[in-house]
Amino acid sequence: MFERIQISRLAGTIAIAAAALMTAGAISAQTTPSSKVAQSGSHTMKNYKKPSDDSLKKELTPLQYEVTQHEATERPFQNAYWDNHEPGIYVDVVSGEPLFSSTDKFESGTGWPSFTRPLAPENIATKTDRTLGMVRTEVRSAHADSHLGHLFDDGPRPTGMRYCMNSASMRFIPASKLVEEGYGEYAHLFTAAAKK
């Protein structure tokens, strides 16, 4: 069973990586999460809005724009967060809506940041994706409708799920900056973990 899951994960990773190489070859390799859109403070907690397409084109890097707005896939092992082990949360680079926590991040071996569950399920939407000759579950942000990545059922316990995300779709907020950035409601996740 474990070998079948590993083979299935490897086959899926190869297909996605091939698509990422084709897509990313024409896109700037800049993946630094420096988006002014999500950093601008234009969001208020629970009131996330998608900026205009003109604003997105100006404020996002070419890769961030292609991934979030046109379902591109960044290269595995060559992205900002696949190997990030710092405590904090990941928010939508477009709207700032909270998506995932480092407390649910795990090493999937795929080269993309992977999580067992969303931090705020109400900020996640899924839909069927039939591209690349296979049926997958696409993950999008609920408010900005940003393409985030895909969901697979080969993750670790306790959920058995693997939310395989694109770093270019997210901005990481370190636990030490949650209050400053307007995400103080999630600070308890990391003060509790630090006490253990």
Protein backbone atom coordinates (compact mmCIF):
# COMPACT_ATOMS: atom_id res chain seq x y z
CA MET A 1 0.00 0.00 0.00
CA PHE A 2 2.76 2.46 0.99
CA GLU A 3 4.68 1.70 -2.22
CA ARG A 4 1.54 2.29 -4.31
CA ILE A 5 1.00 5.67 -2.63
CA GLN A 6 4.65 6.62 -3.20
CA ILE A 7 4.48 5.59 -6.89
CA SER A 8 1.20 7.49 -7.33
CA ARG A 9 2.71 10.58 -5.68
CA LEU A 10 5.84 10.31 -7.84
CA ALA A 11 3.83 9.96 -11.07
CA GLY A 12 1.70 12.96 -10.18
CA THR A 13 4.77 14.98 -9.25
CA ILE A 14 6.47 14.16 -12.54
CA ALA A 15 3.42 15.22 -14.59
CA ILE A 16 3.03 18.44 -12.63
CA ALA A 17 6.76 19.17 -12.74
CA ALA A 18 6.79 18.73 -16.52
CA ALA A 19 3.93 21.19 -16.84
CA ALA A 20 5.67 23.57 -14.46
CA LEU A 21 8.87 23.48 -16.49
CA MET A 22 6.96 24.28 -19.69
CA THR A 23 4.98 27.07 -18.05
CA ALA A 24 7.73 28.59 -15.92
CA GLY A 25 10.22 28.69 -18.78
CA ALA A 26 8.44 31.69 -20.25
CA ILE A 27 7.78 33.39 -16.92
CA SER A 28 10.22 35.38 -14.85
CA ALA A 29 11.78 33.22 -12.15
CA GLN A 30 11.23 35.91 -9.53
CA THR A 31 9.29 34.28 -6.70
CA THR A 32 10.19 36.56 -3.83
CA PRO A 33 6.97 37.07 -1.89
CA SER A 34 7.10 40.86 -2.00
CA SER A 35 3.64 41.57 -3.28
CA LYS A 36 2.44 45.03 -2.37
CA VAL A 37 -1.13 43.85 -2.97
CA ALA A 38 -1.33 41.60 0.08
CA GLN A 39 1.12 43.70 2.10
CA SER A 40 -0.65 46.98 1.49
CA GLY A 41 -2.95 46.57 4.45
CA SER A 42 -5.95 46.87 2.12
CA HIS A 43 -7.60 43.96 3.88
CA THR A 44 -9.33 43.90 7.19
CA MET A 45 -9.85 40.68 9.02
CA LYS A 46 -12.69 38.74 7.39
CA ASN A 47 -13.04 41.32 4.59
CA TYR A 48 -10.73 40.12 1.82
CA LYS A 49 -11.10 41.56 -1.64
CA LYS A 50 -9.49 40.87 -4.97
CA PRO A 51 -7.88 43.98 -6.50
CA SER A 52 -8.48 44.86 -10.15
CA ASP A 53 -6.60 42.96 -12.82
CA ASP A 54 -4.60 46.10 -13.66
CA SER A 55 -3.51 46.38 -10.01
CA LEU A 56 -2.56 42.71 -9.91
CA LYS A 57 -0.43 43.04 -13.05
CA LYS A 58 1.41 45.99 -11.50
CA GLU A 59 1.84 44.62 -8.00
CA LEU A 60 2.47 40.89 -8.46
CA THR A 61 5.58 39.38 -9.99
CA PRO A 62 5.00 37.77 -13.40
CA LEU A 63 5.12 34.32 -11.79
CA GLN A 64 2.70 35.26 -9.02
CA TYR A 65 0.28 36.66 -11.61
CA GLU A 66 0.49 33.60 -13.89
CA VAL A 67 0.06 31.14 -11.01
CA THR A 68 -2.78 32.92 -9.20
CA GLN A 69 -4.69 34.20 -12.23
CA HIS A 70 -3.92 31.62 -14.96
CA GLU A 71 -3.36 28.37 -13.01
CA ALA A 72 0.35 28.13 -13.84
CA THR A 73 2.58 25.92 -11.70
CA GLU A 74 5.96 27.01 -10.37
CA ARG A 75 9.01 24.77 -10.50
CA PRO A 76 9.41 22.21 -7.72
CA PHE A 77 12.34 22.70 -5.33
CA GLN A 78 12.89 26.18 -6.84
CA ASN A 79 10.32 28.20 -4.94
CA ALA A 80 10.26 30.30 -1.81
CA TYR A 81 8.53 28.04 0.71
CA TRP A 82 9.05 24.37 -0.17
CA ASP A 83 11.77 24.16 2.50
CA ASN A 84 10.59 26.87 4.90
CA HIS A 85 10.55 25.66 8.51
CA GLU A 86 9.92 28.97 10.25
CA PRO A 87 6.77 29.22 12.40
CA GLY A 88 4.02 31.38 10.95
CA ILE A 89 1.08 31.44 8.56
CA TYR A 90 0.66 31.56 4.80
CA VAL A 91 -1.85 34.01 3.30
CA ASP A 92 -3.15 34.58 -0.22
CA VAL A 93 -0.66 36.84 -2.02
CA VAL A 94 -3.60 38.56 -3.76
CA SER A 95 -6.10 39.19 -0.95
CA GLY A 96 -4.28 38.44 2.29
CA GLU A 97 -6.83 35.86 3.39
CA PRO A 98 -5.26 33.32 5.82
CA LEU A 99 -4.76 29.91 4.21
CA PHE A 100 -2.32 27.60 6.00
CA SER A 101 -0.19 27.34 9.14
CA SER A 102 3.34 26.06 9.55
CA THR A 103 1.95 23.84 12.31
CA ASP A 104 0.24 21.78 9.57
CA LYS A 105 3.14 21.84 7.07
CA PHE A 106 5.04 18.65 6.30
CA GLU A 107 7.82 17.38 4.04
CA SER A 108 6.06 15.74 1.10
CA GLY A 109 9.14 15.22 -1.05
CA THR A 110 7.41 16.93 -3.99
CA GLY A 111 9.29 20.25 -3.95
CA TRP A 112 6.20 22.32 -3.16
CA PRO A 113 4.95 23.43 0.27
CA SER A 114 2.47 20.85 1.53
CA PHE A 115 -0.05 21.00 4.37
CA THR A 116 -2.38 18.50 6.02
CA ARG A 117 -5.25 20.98 6.44
CA PRO A 118 -6.17 24.62 5.88
CA LEU A 119 -5.80 27.13 8.70
CA ALA A 120 -9.15 28.76 7.86
CA PRO A 121 -11.32 26.31 5.87
CA GLU A 122 -13.76 29.09 5.00
CA ASN A 123 -10.96 30.70 2.93
CA ILE A 124 -10.44 27.59 0.78
CA ALA A 125 -12.49 26.47 -2.22
CA THR A 126 -12.00 23.36 -4.35
CA LYS A 127 -13.06 22.37 -7.84
CA THR A 128 -12.43 19.54 -10.28
CA ASP A 129 -9.42 20.05 -12.57
CA ARG A 130 -9.21 17.88 -15.70
CA THR A 131 -6.02 19.37 -17.19
CA LEU A 132 -2.86 17.34 -17.89
CA GLY A 133 -4.93 14.28 -18.81
CA MET A 134 -5.93 13.48 -15.23
CA VAL A 135 -8.63 14.37 -12.75
CA ARG A 136 -7.39 16.35 -9.76
CA THR A 137 -8.87 18.62 -7.11
CA GLU A 138 -7.80 22.22 -7.60
CA VAL A 139 -7.47 24.43 -4.51
CA ARG A 140 -8.38 28.12 -4.79
CA SER A 141 -8.76 30.93 -2.29
CA ALA A 142 -12.43 31.53 -1.52
CA HIS A 143 -12.46 35.33 -1.63
CA ALA A 144 -9.89 36.28 -4.31
CA ASP A 145 -10.35 33.09 -6.35
CA SER A 146 -6.57 32.70 -6.62
CA HIS A 147 -5.24 29.40 -7.89
CA LEU A 148 -3.23 27.93 -5.00
CA GLY A 149 -2.43 24.36 -6.01
CA HIS A 150 -4.02 20.91 -5.72
CA LEU A 151 -5.37 18.57 -3.07
CA PHE A 152 -4.37 14.89 -2.91
CA ASP A 153 -5.44 12.07 -0.59
CA ASP A 154 -1.94 10.72 0.02
CA GLY A 155 -0.92 12.91 2.97
CA PRO A 156 0.08 11.88 6.48
CA ARG A 157 -2.14 11.44 9.50
CA PRO A 158 -4.26 12.80 11.00
CA THR A 159 -6.10 13.95 7.85
CA GLY A 160 -4.52 11.83 5.10
CA MET A 161 -4.68 14.92 2.88
CA ARG A 162 -1.90 16.77 1.06
CA TYR A 163 -2.61 20.38 0.11
CA CYS A 164 0.21 20.83 -2.42
CA MET A 165 0.52 24.59 -2.90
CA ASN A 166 2.48 27.02 -5.06
CA SER A 167 4.72 29.35 -3.07
CA ALA A 168 3.97 32.06 -5.64
CA SER A 169 0.32 32.04 -4.52
CA MET A 170 1.16 32.76 -0.92
CA ARG A 171 2.90 35.23 1.35
CA PHE A 172 4.48 33.94 4.55
CA ILE A 173 3.96 35.90 7.77
CA PRO A 174 6.35 34.90 10.56
CA ALA A 175 4.75 34.16 13.95
CA SER A 176 6.64 37.12 15.43
CA LYS A 177 4.87 39.52 13.02
CA LEU A 178 1.30 38.22 13.17
CA VAL A 179 -0.03 41.00 15.41
CA GLU A 180 1.82 43.71 13.46
CA GLU A 181 0.43 42.41 10.14
CA GLY A 182 -3.17 42.17 11.40
CA TYR A 183 -3.32 38.41 12.02
CA GLY A 184 -3.08 38.46 15.83
CA GLU A 185 -5.95 36.00 16.16
CA TYR A 186 -3.51 33.26 15.04
CA ALA A 187 -0.66 34.14 17.43
CA HIS A 188 -1.93 31.66 20.04
CA LEU A 189 -1.05 28.78 17.69
CA PHE A 190 2.61 29.57 18.12
CA THR A 191 2.72 30.63 21.76
CA ALA A 192 1.09 27.30 22.63
CA ALA A 193 3.58 25.40 20.47
CA ALA A 194 6.51 27.25 22.07
CA LYS A 195 5.36 26.19 25.56
CA LYS A 196 5.40 22.48 24.66
